[in-house]
Amino acid sequence: MPRTLSSTKTRAALRISARISLELLLILVMAAVVLWALGQMWSVIWPLVVGLLLTTLTWPLARFLRGCGWAPALAASVVTLLFLLVATGIAALIAVPVASQSGELADGVAEGIERVREWAAGPPLNIDDAQIAQATDTAAARLQSSAGSLVTAVVAGVSTVVDGVITAVLALFLMFFFLKDGPRFLPWLAHQLPGRLATDIPAVAARSWDTLGAFVRSQALVGLLDAILIGLGLWALGVPLVLPLAVLTFISAFIPVVGALFAGVVAVLIALVFNGPTDALIALAIIVVVQQLEGNVFQPMIQSRGLGLHAAVVLLAVTLGSSLAGIVGSLLAVPVAALIAVVWNYLREQLSHPPQEPESNERHAGDAVVS
């Protein structure tokens, strides 16, 4: 006989589904409210995030100095000054060679533009000088007509640079205070929270700190691999300014998508200017291969091991973060996913049943045999 649906079970299933849907809806609303609040406080949160990431990078040295008996303020001051010196040295590694070859670079740019013009004048494009002049006049007219929007773009760019400088200064000061007073934060937090929160939140915070450190170390390792492989390829081609380009590649690894694109464009342009189109195409192929290896092999593998996330989760997190918040979202996607995993694992540990002790099982079995 055909089986019929039970009305009682159907109503129970619908009630359970409705309750679960309502709970999920409330969770989504709460998440939207939290994201909105974070967006309103972003001018404070962003320097805080940058300061925390810098602290995870410099904390091992500060911890070593504190272990040697240095006062916390002295250790934090020395590490902060060393960080500034290293950052200045990295900037010098990029700026000094470029400035010393600025004349050759300018001549090479002019020569490269002339090569492009000559190539465009030949087949298959066959663009003559009159067409180039006409295109130049058209571009100039468009620039004049859009002068207002250009001024707005320039003002927005200047504002972005100023905001970046302010963020960097605030992050540097926050890094100093984190290095100085960081170990006292969790005990202080435990005394401020009531009940079980005094244990749970400091425990989650400690695990989150370890996770952020693993993220920064893995990102630095990925950037180092990129810099070495691309630097070796450019050196083999005889491209000048290899060291500044390698340093720029390493730094750009911390800025997803745009950083790698910018470093690759600079390297290809320099190869085109100094070595010609053939070497520029080879350099482009090297950069594309290395960046594909980074995005699809190195970064997922290294970060999945360091953060306890599957490689597919890393890829999906970066994709979702970039679609939601652009560059900042792609930068923070992996650590945010790792922190969510930390919180979930801790909740699962607290909500799971404790394992039964073997001794008690053996004792009950013995009692049953005796009885």
Foldseek 3Di string as FASTA:
>chain_A
DDDDDDPVVVVVVVVVVVVVVVVVVVVVVVVVVVVVVCVVVVLPVLLVVLLLLVLLVQQVQLVVVVVVVDALLVSLVVSLVVVVVVVVVLVCLQPVVCVVCVVLLVVLVVVLVVVVVVVCCDPPNVQDPVNVVVVVVVVVVVCVVCVVVVVVVVVVVVVVVVSVVVSVVSSSVSNSCCSRCVVVVLVVQLVVDDDPCSPQVSVLVVVLSQLSSLVSVLLLVLQLQLLVQLLVLCVVLVQPSSRSLSSQSSVLSLFPPVSLVVSLVVSLSSCCSPPNDVSSVVSNVSSVVSVCCSLQPSNLVSSCVSLVHHSVQLNVQLVVQCVVPNRVRNSCSSSVVSSVVSVVVSVCVVPDDDDDDPVVVVVVVVVVVVD
